[in-house]
Amino acid sequence: MGSHRRLFRRFLLRELAKAFREAFRDREKAELVARGDYPFLNVRRGEVLTAPRYVNPSLERALEMGASRGGRKREG
C-alpha cells in the first residue's frame, strides 16, 4: 500500500509543479491563475491559485506534501 501512496504523491507533486509553471501571472492583481484543469489538485481553469494573502484551499494539501518531501532521510 505504501507504493500507491508514493505514486499518488508523485502525481500530485508533478501536477502542482505543472500548475504553477503554466499559470497566468496577473501582475495588476498579483495573482496566479490556472490556465488548465488539474484533477489531482481539484483545480479548474480560471481559478486563482495564489494571491498576496490567499492560497487556494485545494492546493494546501499538495503544498504541505511538497514541503515535507525533503524532511525524511532514506535508510539503506
PDB file of N, CA and C in Angstrom:
ATOM      1  N   MET A   1       0.817  -1.199   0.000  1.00  0.00           N
ATOM      2  CA  MET A   1       0.000   0.000   0.000  1.00  0.00           C
ATOM      3  C   MET A   1       0.856   1.256   0.000  1.00  0.00           C
ATOM      4  N   GLY A   2       2.048   1.163   0.539  1.00  0.00           N
ATOM      5  CA  GLY A   2       2.930   2.320   0.555  1.00  0.00           C
ATOM      6  C   GLY A   2       3.285   2.812  -0.833  1.00  0.00           C
ATOM      7  N   SER A   3       3.416   1.875  -1.774  1.00  0.00           N
ATOM      8  CA  SER A   3       3.772   2.275  -3.136  1.00  0.00           C
ATOM      9  C   SER A   3       2.655   3.075  -3.798  1.00  0.00           C
ATOM     10  N   HIS A   4       1.396   2.789  -3.449  1.00  0.00           N
ATOM     11  CA  HIS A   4       0.280   3.552  -4.003  1.00  0.00           C
ATOM     12  C   HIS A   4       0.300   4.981  -3.486  1.00  0.00           C
ATOM     13  N   ARG A   5       0.604   5.128  -2.222  1.00  0.00           N
ATOM     14  CA  ARG A   5       0.696   6.480  -1.655  1.00  0.00           C
ATOM     15  C   ARG A   5       1.829   7.259  -2.301  1.00  0.00           C
ATOM     16  N   ARG A   6       2.945   6.579  -2.490  1.00  0.00           N
ATOM     17  CA  ARG A   6       4.100   7.221  -3.106  1.00  0.00           C
ATOM     18  C   ARG A   6       3.776   7.643  -4.541  1.00  0.00           C
ATOM     19  N   LEU A   7       3.084   6.781  -5.269  1.00  0.00           N
ATOM     20  CA  LEU A   7       2.703   7.085  -6.642  1.00  0.00           C
ATOM     21  C   LEU A   7       1.737   8.267  -6.690  1.00  0.00           C
ATOM     22  N   PHE A   8       0.740   8.257  -5.806  1.00  0.00           N
ATOM     23  CA  PHE A   8      -0.205   9.368  -5.752  1.00  0.00           C
ATOM     24  C   PHE A   8       0.517  10.663  -5.404  1.00  0.00           C
ATOM     25  N   ARG A   9       1.427  10.592  -4.455  1.00  0.00           N
ATOM     26  CA  ARG A   9       2.180  11.779  -4.045  1.00  0.00           C
ATOM     27  C   ARG A   9       3.017  12.320  -5.200  1.00  0.00           C
ATOM     28  N   ARG A  10       3.624  11.397  -5.969  1.00  0.00           N
ATOM     29  CA  ARG A  10       4.430  11.816  -7.119  1.00  0.00           C
ATOM     30  C   ARG A  10       3.554  12.516  -8.157  1.00  0.00           C
ATOM     31  N   PHE A  11       2.378  11.939  -8.465  1.00  0.00           N
ATOM     32  CA  PHE A  11       1.466  12.581  -9.407  1.00  0.00           C
ATOM     33  C   PHE A  11       1.017  13.945  -8.894  1.00  0.00           C
ATOM     34  N   LEU A  12       0.720  14.016  -7.605  1.00  0.00           N
ATOM     35  CA  LEU A  12       0.268  15.262  -7.012  1.00  0.00           C
ATOM     36  C   LEU A  12       1.337  16.346  -7.127  1.00  0.00           C
ATOM     37  N   LEU A  13       2.578  16.007  -6.830  1.00  0.00           N
ATOM     38  CA  LEU A  13       3.661  16.992  -6.890  1.00  0.00           C
ATOM     39  C   LEU A  13       3.969  17.401  -8.329  1.00  0.00           C
ATOM     40  N   ARG A  14       3.881  16.458  -9.257  1.00  0.00           N
ATOM     41  CA  ARG A  14       4.082  16.811 -10.672  1.00  0.00           C
ATOM     42  C   ARG A  14       2.987  17.746 -11.154  1.00  0.00           C
ATOM     43  N   GLU A  15       1.763  17.450 -10.760  1.00  0.00           N
ATOM     44  CA  GLU A  15       0.633  18.287 -11.153  1.00  0.00           C
ATOM     45  C   GLU A  15       0.770  19.689 -10.541  1.00  0.00           C
ATOM     46  N   LEU A  16       1.228  19.758  -9.317  1.00  0.00           N
ATOM     47  CA  LEU A  16       1.432  21.041  -8.654  1.00  0.00           C
ATOM     48  C   LEU A  16       2.477  21.863  -9.404  1.00  0.00           C
ATOM     49  N   ALA A  17       3.599  21.244  -9.737  1.00  0.00           N
ATOM     50  CA  ALA A  17       4.648  21.940 -10.480  1.00  0.00           C
ATOM     51  C   ALA A  17       4.133  22.404 -11.839  1.00  0.00           C
ATOM     52  N   LYS A  18       3.363  21.549 -12.508  1.00  0.00           N
ATOM     53  CA  LYS A  18       2.811  21.894 -13.817  1.00  0.00           C
ATOM     54  C   LYS A  18       1.836  23.068 -13.704  1.00  0.00           C
ATOM     55  N   ALA A  19       0.995  23.046 -12.682  1.00  0.00           N
ATOM     56  CA  ALA A  19       0.020  24.121 -12.489  1.00  0.00           C
ATOM     57  C   ALA A  19       0.722  25.468 -12.296  1.00  0.00           C
ATOM     58  N   PHE A  20       1.761  25.489 -11.484  1.00  0.00           N
ATOM     59  CA  PHE A  20       2.473  26.747 -11.246  1.00  0.00           C
ATOM     60  C   PHE A  20       3.295  27.169 -12.468  1.00  0.00           C
ATOM     61  N   ARG A  21       3.846  26.202 -13.181  1.00  0.00           N
ATOM     62  CA  ARG A  21       4.645  26.514 -14.370  1.00  0.00           C
ATOM     63  C   ARG A  21       3.768  27.113 -15.475  1.00  0.00           C
ATOM     64  N   GLU A  22       2.560  26.583 -15.631  1.00  0.00           N
ATOM     65  CA  GLU A  22       1.671  27.023 -16.709  1.00  0.00           C
ATOM     66  C   GLU A  22       0.751  28.174 -16.309  1.00  0.00           C
ATOM     67  N   ALA A  23       0.757  28.577 -15.065  1.00  0.00           N
ATOM     68  CA  ALA A  23      -0.191  29.576 -14.568  1.00  0.00           C
ATOM     69  C   ALA A  23       0.007  30.941 -15.237  1.00  0.00           C
ATOM     70  N   PHE A  24      -1.101  31.650 -15.385  1.00  0.00           N
ATOM     71  CA  PHE A  24      -1.069  33.020 -15.879  1.00  0.00           C
ATOM     72  C   PHE A  24      -0.757  33.938 -14.705  1.00  0.00           C
ATOM     73  N   ARG A  25       0.232  34.778 -14.878  1.00  0.00           N
ATOM     74  CA  ARG A  25       0.623  35.708 -13.819  1.00  0.00           C
ATOM     75  C   ARG A  25       0.007  37.074 -14.096  1.00  0.00           C
ATOM     76  N   ASP A  26      -1.029  37.386 -13.344  1.00  0.00           N
ATOM     77  CA  ASP A  26      -1.704  38.676 -13.485  1.00  0.00           C
ATOM     78  C   ASP A  26      -0.958  39.680 -12.612  1.00  0.00           C
ATOM     79  N   ARG A  27      -0.160  40.520 -13.248  1.00  0.00           N
ATOM     80  CA  ARG A  27       0.683  41.458 -12.497  1.00  0.00           C
ATOM     81  C   ARG A  27      -0.124  42.594 -11.867  1.00  0.00           C
ATOM     82  N   GLU A  28      -1.251  42.955 -12.475  1.00  0.00           N
ATOM     83  CA  GLU A  28      -2.095  44.010 -11.912  1.00  0.00           C
ATOM     84  C   GLU A  28      -2.691  43.600 -10.572  1.00  0.00           C
ATOM     85  N   LYS A  29      -3.212  42.377 -10.518  1.00  0.00           N
ATOM     86  CA  LYS A  29      -3.859  41.887  -9.300  1.00  0.00           C
ATOM     87  C   LYS A  29      -2.919  41.059  -8.432  1.00  0.00           C
ATOM     88  N   ALA A  30      -1.714  40.811  -8.918  1.00  0.00           N
ATOM     89  CA  ALA A  30      -0.721  39.985  -8.209  1.00  0.00           C
ATOM     90  C   ALA A  30      -1.278  38.591  -7.913  1.00  0.00           C
ATOM     91  N   GLU A  31      -1.893  37.990  -8.931  1.00  0.00           N
ATOM     92  CA  GLU A  31      -2.492  36.660  -8.783  1.00  0.00           C
ATOM     93  C   GLU A  31      -1.853  35.675  -9.754  1.00  0.00           C
ATOM     94  N   LEU A  32      -1.891  34.417  -9.382  1.00  0.00           N
ATOM     95  CA  LEU A  32      -1.567  33.321 -10.286  1.00  0.00           C
ATOM     96  C   LEU A  32      -2.885  32.630 -10.599  1.00  0.00           C
ATOM     97  N   VAL A  33      -3.210  32.504 -11.876  1.00  0.00           N
ATOM     98  CA  VAL A  33      -4.489  31.942 -12.296  1.00  0.00           C
ATOM     99  C   VAL A  33      -4.227  30.678 -13.114  1.00  0.00           C
ATOM    100  N   ALA A  34      -4.961  29.611 -12.818  1.00  0.00           N
ATOM    101  CA  ALA A  34      -4.798  28.339 -13.519  1.00  0.00           C
ATOM    102  C   ALA A  34      -5.228  28.473 -14.972  1.00  0.00           C
ATOM    103  N   ARG A  35      -4.378  27.996 -15.885  1.00  0.00           N
ATOM    104  CA  ARG A  35      -4.702  28.014 -17.307  1.00  0.00           C
ATOM    105  C   ARG A  35      -5.359  26.729 -17.778  1.00  0.00           C
ATOM    106  N   GLY A  36      -5.328  25.708 -16.961  1.00  0.00           N
ATOM    107  CA  GLY A  36      -5.913  24.423 -17.346  1.00  0.00           C
ATOM    108  C   GLY A  36      -6.583  23.746 -16.175  1.00  0.00           C
ATOM    109  N   ASP A  37      -7.105  22.552 -16.422  1.00  0.00           N
ATOM    110  CA  ASP A  37      -7.713  21.736 -15.368  1.00  0.00           C
ATOM    111  C   ASP A  37      -6.651  20.811 -14.795  1.00  0.00           C
ATOM    112  N   TYR A  38      -6.631  20.676 -13.479  1.00  0.00           N
ATOM    113  CA  TYR A  38      -5.672  19.829 -12.784  1.00  0.00           C
ATOM    114  C   TYR A  38      -6.440  18.929 -11.813  1.00  0.00           C
ATOM    115  N   PRO A  39      -6.876  17.757 -12.294  1.00  0.00           N
ATOM    116  CA  PRO A  39      -7.768  16.906 -11.498  1.00  0.00           C
ATOM    117  C   PRO A  39      -7.161  16.398 -10.187  1.00  0.00           C
ATOM    118  N   PHE A  40      -5.859  16.117 -10.152  1.00  0.00           N
ATOM    119  CA  PHE A  40      -5.256  15.644  -8.903  1.00  0.00           C
ATOM    120  C   PHE A  40      -5.261  16.731  -7.842  1.00  0.00           C
ATOM    121  N   LEU A  41      -5.242  17.989  -8.264  1.00  0.00           N
ATOM    122  CA  LEU A  41      -5.259  19.111  -7.326  1.00  0.00           C
ATOM    123  C   LEU A  41      -6.667  19.620  -7.067  1.00  0.00           C
ATOM    124  N   ASN A  42      -7.630  19.148  -7.839  1.00  0.00           N
ATOM    125  CA  ASN A  42      -9.010  19.616  -7.738  1.00  0.00           C
ATOM    126  C   ASN A  42      -9.101  21.112  -8.059  1.00  0.00           C
ATOM    127  N   VAL A  43      -8.420  21.502  -9.127  1.00  0.00           N
ATOM    128  CA  VAL A  43      -8.395  22.902  -9.568  1.00  0.00           C
ATOM    129  C   VAL A  43      -8.861  22.947 -11.016  1.00  0.00           C
ATOM    130  N   ARG A  44      -9.731  23.890 -11.316  1.00  0.00           N
ATOM    131  CA  ARG A  44     -10.237  24.062 -12.675  1.00  0.00           C
ATOM    132  C   ARG A  44      -9.651  25.324 -13.301  1.00  0.00           C
ATOM    133  N   ARG A  45      -9.746  25.368 -14.599  1.00  0.00           N
ATOM    134  CA  ARG A  45      -9.244  26.515 -15.357  1.00  0.00           C
ATOM    135  C   ARG A  45      -9.899  27.808 -14.869  1.00  0.00           C
ATOM    136  N   GLY A  46      -9.089  28.830 -14.685  1.00  0.00           N
ATOM    137  CA  GLY A  46      -9.595  30.135 -14.272  1.00  0.00           C
ATOM    138  C   GLY A  46      -9.595  30.367 -12.770  1.00  0.00           C
ATOM    139  N   GLU A  47      -9.347  29.338 -11.988  1.00  0.00           N
ATOM    140  CA  GLU A  47      -9.306  29.525 -10.533  1.00  0.00           C
ATOM    141  C   GLU A  47      -8.016  30.218 -10.124  1.00  0.00           C
ATOM    142  N   VAL A  48      -8.116  31.057  -9.126  1.00  0.00           N
ATOM    143  CA  VAL A  48      -6.932  31.729  -8.585  1.00  0.00           C
ATOM    144  C   VAL A  48      -6.167  30.722  -7.740  1.00  0.00           C
ATOM    145  N   LEU A  49      -4.890  30.548  -8.065  1.00  0.00           N
ATOM    146  CA  LEU A  49      -4.044  29.632  -7.288  1.00  0.00           C
ATOM    147  C   LEU A  49      -3.485  30.343  -6.063  1.00  0.00           C
ATOM    148  N   THR A  50      -2.906  31.507  -6.287  1.00  0.00           N
ATOM    149  CA  THR A  50      -2.379  32.300  -5.178  1.00  0.00           C
ATOM    150  C   THR A  50      -2.603  33.777  -5.442  1.00  0.00           C
ATOM    151  N   ALA A  51      -2.690  34.527  -4.377  1.00  0.00           N
ATOM    152  CA  ALA A  51      -2.760  35.978  -4.385  1.00  0.00           C
ATOM    153  C   ALA A  51      -1.960  36.421  -3.158  1.00  0.00           C
ATOM    154  N   PRO A  52      -1.768  37.713  -2.960  1.00  0.00           N
ATOM    155  CA  PRO A  52      -0.902  38.140  -1.849  1.00  0.00           C
ATOM    156  C   PRO A  52      -1.197  37.500  -0.486  1.00  0.00           C
ATOM    157  N   ARG A  53      -2.444  37.386  -0.105  1.00  0.00           N
ATOM    158  CA  ARG A  53      -2.758  36.768   1.195  1.00  0.00           C
ATOM    159  C   ARG A  53      -3.731  35.607   1.035  1.00  0.00           C
ATOM    160  N   TYR A  54      -3.591  34.872  -0.055  1.00  0.00           N
ATOM    161  CA  TYR A  54      -4.536  33.788  -0.345  1.00  0.00           C
ATOM    162  C   TYR A  54      -3.807  32.635  -1.013  1.00  0.00           C
ATOM    163  N   VAL A  55      -4.115  31.433  -0.576  1.00  0.00           N
ATOM    164  CA  VAL A  55      -3.679  30.209  -1.259  1.00  0.00           C
ATOM    165  C   VAL A  55      -4.930  29.374  -1.454  1.00  0.00           C
ATOM    166  N   ASN A  56      -5.133  28.906  -2.675  1.00  0.00           N
ATOM    167  CA  ASN A  56      -6.299  28.092  -2.988  1.00  0.00           C
ATOM    168  C   ASN A  56      -6.354  26.907  -2.016  1.00  0.00           C
ATOM    169  N   PRO A  57      -7.480  26.703  -1.340  1.00  0.00           N
ATOM    170  CA  PRO A  57      -7.589  25.606  -0.370  1.00  0.00           C
ATOM    171  C   PRO A  57      -7.279  24.231  -0.963  1.00  0.00           C
ATOM    172  N   SER A  58      -7.559  24.042  -2.230  1.00  0.00           N
ATOM    173  CA  SER A  58      -7.266  22.759  -2.869  1.00  0.00           C
ATOM    174  C   SER A  58      -5.763  22.508  -2.973  1.00  0.00           C
ATOM    175  N   LEU A  59      -4.977  23.571  -2.937  1.00  0.00           N
ATOM    176  CA  LEU A  59      -3.527  23.433  -3.066  1.00  0.00           C
ATOM    177  C   LEU A  59      -2.817  23.224  -1.736  1.00  0.00           C
ATOM    178  N   GLU A  60      -3.479  23.526  -0.641  1.00  0.00           N
ATOM    179  CA  GLU A  60      -2.821  23.470   0.668  1.00  0.00           C
ATOM    180  C   GLU A  60      -2.242  22.089   0.966  1.00  0.00           C
ATOM    181  N   ARG A  61      -2.990  21.046   0.693  1.00  0.00           N
ATOM    182  CA  ARG A  61      -2.503  19.691   0.964  1.00  0.00           C
ATOM    183  C   ARG A  61      -1.274  19.373   0.116  1.00  0.00           C
ATOM    184  N   ALA A  62      -1.342  19.714  -1.163  1.00  0.00           N
ATOM    185  CA  ALA A  62      -0.213  19.450  -2.057  1.00  0.00           C
ATOM    186  C   ALA A  62       1.012  20.251  -1.636  1.00  0.00           C
ATOM    187  N   LEU A  63       0.820  21.476  -1.209  1.00  0.00           N
ATOM    188  CA  LEU A  63       1.942  22.297  -0.762  1.00  0.00           C
ATOM    189  C   LEU A  63       2.565  21.734   0.506  1.00  0.00           C
ATOM    190  N   GLU A  64       1.731  21.216   1.405  1.00  0.00           N
ATOM    191  CA  GLU A  64       2.251  20.607   2.628  1.00  0.00           C
ATOM    192  C   GLU A  64       3.067  19.358   2.298  1.00  0.00           C
ATOM    193  N   MET A  65       2.586  18.559   1.342  1.00  0.00           N
ATOM    194  CA  MET A  65       3.320  17.354   0.941  1.00  0.00           C
ATOM    195  C   MET A  65       4.662  17.731   0.314  1.00  0.00           C
ATOM    196  N   GLY A  66       4.668  18.776  -0.477  1.00  0.00           N
ATOM    197  CA  GLY A  66       5.899  19.219  -1.110  1.00  0.00           C
ATOM    198  C   GLY A  66       6.899  19.757  -0.111  1.00  0.00           C
ATOM    199  N   ALA A  67       6.411  20.421   0.930  1.00  0.00           N
ATOM    200  CA  ALA A  67       7.299  20.974   1.954  1.00  0.00           C
ATOM    201  C   ALA A  67       7.917  19.867   2.789  1.00  0.00           C
ATOM    202  N   SER A  68       7.184  18.790   3.009  1.00  0.00           N
ATOM    203  CA  SER A  68       7.701  17.706   3.836  1.00  0.00           C
ATOM    204  C   SER A  68       8.519  16.709   3.033  1.00  0.00           C
ATOM    205  N   ARG A  69       8.607  16.908   1.732  1.00  0.00           N
ATOM    206  CA  ARG A  69       9.278  15.958   0.856  1.00  0.00           C
ATOM    207  C   ARG A  69      10.742  15.756   1.219  1.00  0.00           C
ATOM    208  N   GLY A  70      11.459  16.809   1.501  1.00  0.00           N
ATOM    209  CA  GLY A  70      12.885  16.675   1.772  1.00  0.00           C
ATOM    210  C   GLY A  70      13.212  16.407   3.224  1.00  0.00           C
ATOM    211  N   GLY A  71      12.226  16.283   4.082  1.00  0.00           N
ATOM    212  CA  GLY A  71      12.457  16.142   5.505  1.00  0.00           C
ATOM    213  C   GLY A  71      12.885  14.765   5.965  1.00  0.00           C
ATOM    214  N   ARG A  72      12.676  13.743   5.175  1.00  0.00           N
ATOM    215  CA  ARG A  72      12.989  12.382   5.599  1.00  0.00           C
ATOM    216  C   ARG A  72      14.286  11.909   4.975  1.00  0.00           C
ATOM    217  N   LYS A  73      15.005  11.121   5.732  1.00  0.00           N
ATOM    218  CA  LYS A  73      16.223  10.517   5.192  1.00  0.00           C
ATOM    219  C   LYS A  73      15.938   9.056   4.899  1.00  0.00           C
ATOM    220  N   ARG A  74      16.499   8.582   3.802  1.00  0.00           N
ATOM    221  CA  ARG A  74      16.322   7.178   3.446  1.00  0.00           C
ATOM    222  C   ARG A  74      17.354   6.329   4.165  1.00  0.00           C
ATOM    223  N   GLU A  75      16.908   5.185   4.600  1.00  0.00           N
ATOM    224  CA  GLU A  75      17.826   4.235   5.225  1.00  0.00           C
ATOM    225  C   GLU A  75      18.197   3.184   4.198  1.00  0.00           C
ATOM    226  N   GLY A  76      19.386   2.703   4.284  1.00  0.00           N
ATOM    227  CA  GLY A  76      19.689   1.652   3.344  1.00  0.00           C
ATOM    228  C   GLY A  76      21.085   1.660   3.007  1.00  0.00           C
TER     229      GLY A  76
END
